[in-house]
N, C-alpha and C. Protein backbone atom coordinates (compact mmCIF):
# COMPACT_ATOMS: atom_id res chain seq x y z
N MET A 1 0.86 -1.17 0.00
CA MET A 1 0.00 0.00 0.00
C MET A 1 0.91 1.24 0.00
N THR A 2 0.61 2.18 -0.87
CA THR A 2 1.43 3.39 -0.96
C THR A 2 1.18 4.29 0.24
N LEU A 3 2.10 5.21 0.46
CA LEU A 3 1.98 6.15 1.56
C LEU A 3 0.72 6.98 1.41
N ALA A 4 0.42 7.43 0.21
CA ALA A 4 -0.78 8.24 -0.03
C ALA A 4 -2.04 7.45 0.31
N LYS A 5 -2.06 6.17 -0.06
CA LYS A 5 -3.23 5.33 0.23
C LYS A 5 -3.39 5.11 1.74
N LYS A 6 -2.25 4.94 2.45
CA LYS A 6 -2.32 4.77 3.90
C LYS A 6 -2.90 6.02 4.56
N ILE A 7 -2.44 7.19 4.13
CA ILE A 7 -2.95 8.44 4.70
C ILE A 7 -4.43 8.58 4.38
N GLU A 8 -4.81 8.28 3.15
CA GLU A 8 -6.22 8.37 2.75
C GLU A 8 -7.08 7.45 3.61
N LYS A 9 -6.62 6.22 3.84
CA LYS A 9 -7.38 5.26 4.65
C LYS A 9 -7.52 5.77 6.08
N ILE A 10 -6.44 6.29 6.64
CA ILE A 10 -6.49 6.80 8.01
C ILE A 10 -7.47 7.95 8.12
N LEU A 11 -7.43 8.85 7.15
CA LEU A 11 -8.33 10.00 7.19
C LEU A 11 -9.79 9.58 7.02
N LYS A 12 -10.03 8.55 6.23
CA LYS A 12 -11.39 8.05 6.07
C LYS A 12 -11.89 7.41 7.36
N ASP A 13 -10.97 6.89 8.16
CA ASP A 13 -11.34 6.29 9.44
C ASP A 13 -11.57 7.35 10.51
N GLU A 14 -11.55 8.61 10.11
CA GLU A 14 -11.82 9.75 11.00
C GLU A 14 -10.89 9.81 12.20
N LEU A 15 -9.64 9.46 12.00
CA LEU A 15 -8.61 9.57 13.03
C LEU A 15 -9.01 8.96 14.37
N ARG A 16 -9.31 7.72 14.33
CA ARG A 16 -9.58 7.01 15.58
C ARG A 16 -8.30 7.04 16.42
N PRO A 17 -8.42 6.94 17.73
CA PRO A 17 -7.24 7.05 18.60
C PRO A 17 -6.08 6.15 18.20
N GLU A 18 -6.39 4.94 17.74
CA GLU A 18 -5.30 4.03 17.37
C GLU A 18 -4.56 4.48 16.11
N ASN A 19 -5.17 5.40 15.34
CA ASN A 19 -4.53 5.88 14.12
C ASN A 19 -3.71 7.15 14.32
N ILE A 20 -3.87 7.80 15.46
CA ILE A 20 -3.15 9.06 15.69
C ILE A 20 -1.64 8.82 15.64
N LYS A 21 -1.16 7.76 16.27
CA LYS A 21 0.28 7.45 16.25
C LYS A 21 0.75 7.24 14.82
N THR A 22 -0.05 6.57 14.02
CA THR A 22 0.31 6.33 12.62
C THR A 22 0.43 7.64 11.86
N VAL A 23 -0.50 8.55 12.09
CA VAL A 23 -0.46 9.85 11.41
C VAL A 23 0.80 10.61 11.82
N ILE A 24 1.11 10.58 13.11
CA ILE A 24 2.32 11.26 13.59
C ILE A 24 3.56 10.64 12.96
N ASP A 25 3.63 9.32 12.91
CA ASP A 25 4.77 8.64 12.29
C ASP A 25 4.89 9.02 10.81
N LEU A 26 3.77 9.06 10.11
CA LEU A 26 3.78 9.43 8.69
C LEU A 26 4.26 10.87 8.51
N ALA A 27 3.79 11.77 9.37
CA ALA A 27 4.19 13.17 9.27
C ALA A 27 5.69 13.32 9.53
N GLU A 28 6.20 12.61 10.52
CA GLU A 28 7.64 12.65 10.81
C GLU A 28 8.44 12.11 9.63
N PHE A 29 7.96 11.03 9.04
CA PHE A 29 8.65 10.45 7.89
C PHE A 29 8.66 11.42 6.71
N LEU A 30 7.51 12.06 6.45
CA LEU A 30 7.42 13.01 5.33
C LEU A 30 8.34 14.20 5.56
N LYS A 31 8.42 14.67 6.80
CA LYS A 31 9.31 15.79 7.12
C LYS A 31 10.76 15.38 6.89
N PHE A 32 11.11 14.16 7.31
CA PHE A 32 12.47 13.66 7.08
C PHE A 32 12.78 13.60 5.60
N LYS A 33 11.84 13.06 4.82
CA LYS A 33 12.05 12.95 3.37
C LYS A 33 12.22 14.32 2.73
N GLU A 34 11.42 15.29 3.18
CA GLU A 34 11.51 16.65 2.64
C GLU A 34 12.89 17.23 2.93
N THR A 35 13.37 17.04 4.16
CA THR A 35 14.69 17.53 4.54
C THR A 35 15.77 16.82 3.73
N GLN A 36 15.65 15.52 3.59
CA GLN A 36 16.63 14.74 2.83
C GLN A 36 16.64 15.18 1.37
N ASP A 37 15.47 15.44 0.81
CA ASP A 37 15.39 15.91 -0.58
C ASP A 37 16.10 17.24 -0.74
N LYS A 38 15.96 18.14 0.26
CA LYS A 38 16.64 19.44 0.21
C LYS A 38 18.15 19.25 0.20
N TRP A 39 18.64 18.36 1.09
CA TRP A 39 20.09 18.12 1.13
C TRP A 39 20.57 17.51 -0.18
N ASN A 40 19.80 16.62 -0.75
CA ASN A 40 20.18 16.04 -2.04
C ASN A 40 20.26 17.11 -3.11
N GLU A 41 19.30 18.04 -3.10
CA GLU A 41 19.30 19.14 -4.06
C GLU A 41 20.53 20.03 -3.86
N ILE A 42 20.85 20.32 -2.60
CA ILE A 42 22.04 21.13 -2.30
C ILE A 42 23.29 20.41 -2.79
N ASN A 43 23.39 19.12 -2.53
CA ASN A 43 24.56 18.35 -2.96
C ASN A 43 24.69 18.33 -4.48
N GLU A 44 23.56 18.23 -5.17
CA GLU A 44 23.59 18.21 -6.64
C GLU A 44 24.05 19.54 -7.22
N LEU A 45 23.71 20.65 -6.55
CA LEU A 45 24.05 21.98 -7.05
C LEU A 45 25.39 22.48 -6.52
N GLU A 46 26.03 21.71 -5.67
CA GLU A 46 27.27 22.14 -5.03
C GLU A 46 28.32 22.59 -6.04
N HIS A 47 28.44 21.88 -7.14
CA HIS A 47 29.47 22.19 -8.13
C HIS A 47 29.31 23.59 -8.73
N GLU A 48 28.09 24.14 -8.68
CA GLU A 48 27.86 25.47 -9.22
C GLU A 48 28.40 26.56 -8.31
N TYR A 49 28.60 26.24 -7.04
CA TYR A 49 28.99 27.25 -6.06
C TYR A 49 30.38 27.03 -5.48
N ILE A 50 30.89 25.83 -5.57
CA ILE A 50 32.20 25.51 -5.01
C ILE A 50 33.11 25.05 -6.14
N THR A 51 34.27 25.70 -6.22
CA THR A 51 35.23 25.32 -7.27
C THR A 51 35.80 23.94 -6.94
N GLU A 52 36.38 23.32 -7.93
CA GLU A 52 36.99 22.00 -7.74
C GLU A 52 38.10 22.08 -6.70
N GLU A 53 38.87 23.16 -6.74
CA GLU A 53 39.96 23.34 -5.77
C GLU A 53 39.41 23.44 -4.35
N GLU A 54 38.33 24.19 -4.17
CA GLU A 54 37.70 24.31 -2.84
C GLU A 54 37.14 22.96 -2.39
N ARG A 55 36.53 22.23 -3.31
CA ARG A 55 35.96 20.92 -2.97
C ARG A 55 37.05 19.96 -2.51
N LEU A 56 38.17 19.97 -3.22
CA LEU A 56 39.29 19.10 -2.84
C LEU A 56 39.84 19.50 -1.46
N HIS A 57 39.90 20.81 -1.22
CA HIS A 57 40.37 21.28 0.09
C HIS A 57 39.41 20.82 1.20
N LEU A 58 38.11 20.91 0.95
CA LEU A 58 37.12 20.45 1.93
C LEU A 58 37.25 18.95 2.19
N GLU A 59 37.46 18.18 1.13
CA GLU A 59 37.63 16.74 1.29
C GLU A 59 38.87 16.44 2.13
N ASP A 60 39.94 17.20 1.90
CA ASP A 60 41.17 17.03 2.66
C ASP A 60 40.93 17.33 4.14
N ILE A 61 40.20 18.39 4.41
CA ILE A 61 39.88 18.75 5.80
C ILE A 61 39.05 17.65 6.45
N LYS A 62 38.07 17.12 5.72
CA LYS A 62 37.22 16.06 6.25
C LYS A 62 38.05 14.82 6.59
N LEU A 63 38.98 14.47 5.69
CA LEU A 63 39.80 13.29 5.91
C LEU A 63 40.70 13.44 7.14
N LYS A 64 41.19 14.66 7.37
CA LYS A 64 42.08 14.91 8.50
C LYS A 64 41.30 15.16 9.79
N GLY A 65 40.00 15.36 9.67
CA GLY A 65 39.19 15.61 10.85
C GLY A 65 39.37 17.01 11.41
N GLU A 66 39.79 17.95 10.58
CA GLU A 66 40.03 19.32 11.02
C GLU A 66 38.76 20.14 10.86
N PHE A 67 37.92 20.07 11.86
CA PHE A 67 36.66 20.81 11.81
C PHE A 67 36.71 21.98 12.78
N ILE A 68 36.07 23.07 12.41
CA ILE A 68 36.00 24.23 13.28
C ILE A 68 34.79 24.08 14.20
N ASP A 69 34.95 24.52 15.43
CA ASP A 69 33.86 24.49 16.39
C ASP A 69 32.77 25.47 15.95
N GLN A 70 31.52 25.06 16.06
CA GLN A 70 30.40 25.90 15.62
C GLN A 70 30.39 27.24 16.34
N ASP A 71 30.63 27.23 17.65
CA ASP A 71 30.63 28.48 18.41
C ASP A 71 31.74 29.42 17.92
N ASP A 72 32.91 28.85 17.63
CA ASP A 72 34.02 29.66 17.12
C ASP A 72 33.68 30.26 15.76
N LEU A 73 33.03 29.48 14.92
CA LEU A 73 32.65 29.95 13.60
C LEU A 73 31.64 31.10 13.70
N LEU A 74 30.63 30.92 14.55
CA LEU A 74 29.64 31.97 14.73
C LEU A 74 30.28 33.25 15.25
N LYS A 75 31.20 33.10 16.20
CA LYS A 75 31.90 34.26 16.75
C LYS A 75 32.71 34.95 15.65
N GLU A 76 33.40 34.16 14.84
CA GLU A 76 34.22 34.71 13.76
C GLU A 76 33.36 35.44 12.72
N LEU A 77 32.17 34.93 12.48
CA LEU A 77 31.26 35.56 11.51
C LEU A 77 30.46 36.71 12.12
N GLY A 78 30.58 36.87 13.44
CA GLY A 78 29.86 37.94 14.12
C GLY A 78 28.36 37.68 14.24
N ILE A 79 28.02 36.40 14.36
CA ILE A 79 26.61 36.01 14.47
C ILE A 79 26.35 35.55 15.89
N ASN A 80 25.28 36.08 16.47
CA ASN A 80 24.85 35.68 17.80
C ASN A 80 24.05 34.39 17.68
N LYS A 81 24.31 33.43 18.55
CA LYS A 81 23.57 32.15 18.52
C LYS A 81 22.06 32.34 18.54
N ASN A 82 21.61 33.33 19.27
CA ASN A 82 20.18 33.57 19.41
C ASN A 82 19.54 34.05 18.11
N GLU A 83 20.35 34.51 17.16
CA GLU A 83 19.83 35.01 15.88
C GLU A 83 19.53 33.89 14.90
N ILE A 84 19.97 32.69 15.22
CA ILE A 84 19.80 31.58 14.29
C ILE A 84 18.47 30.93 14.51
């Protein structure tokens, strides 16, 4: 049964108490998929914004485990945590 059919069936059952958990699970899954789709889109378009040299440098940093602390980065950019 497809996801759309499951949702349709649940809604036809007028959201009986036993179906509320299912609706919540479906909503969480759909939100996850939406977020994952956004990241996939960002990854696909990455080459338009990052040069090959920058990409290689990022890969090198990832391999070495040289990551900047988020708080340090925000401070360096002059962004207050509360603004995010």
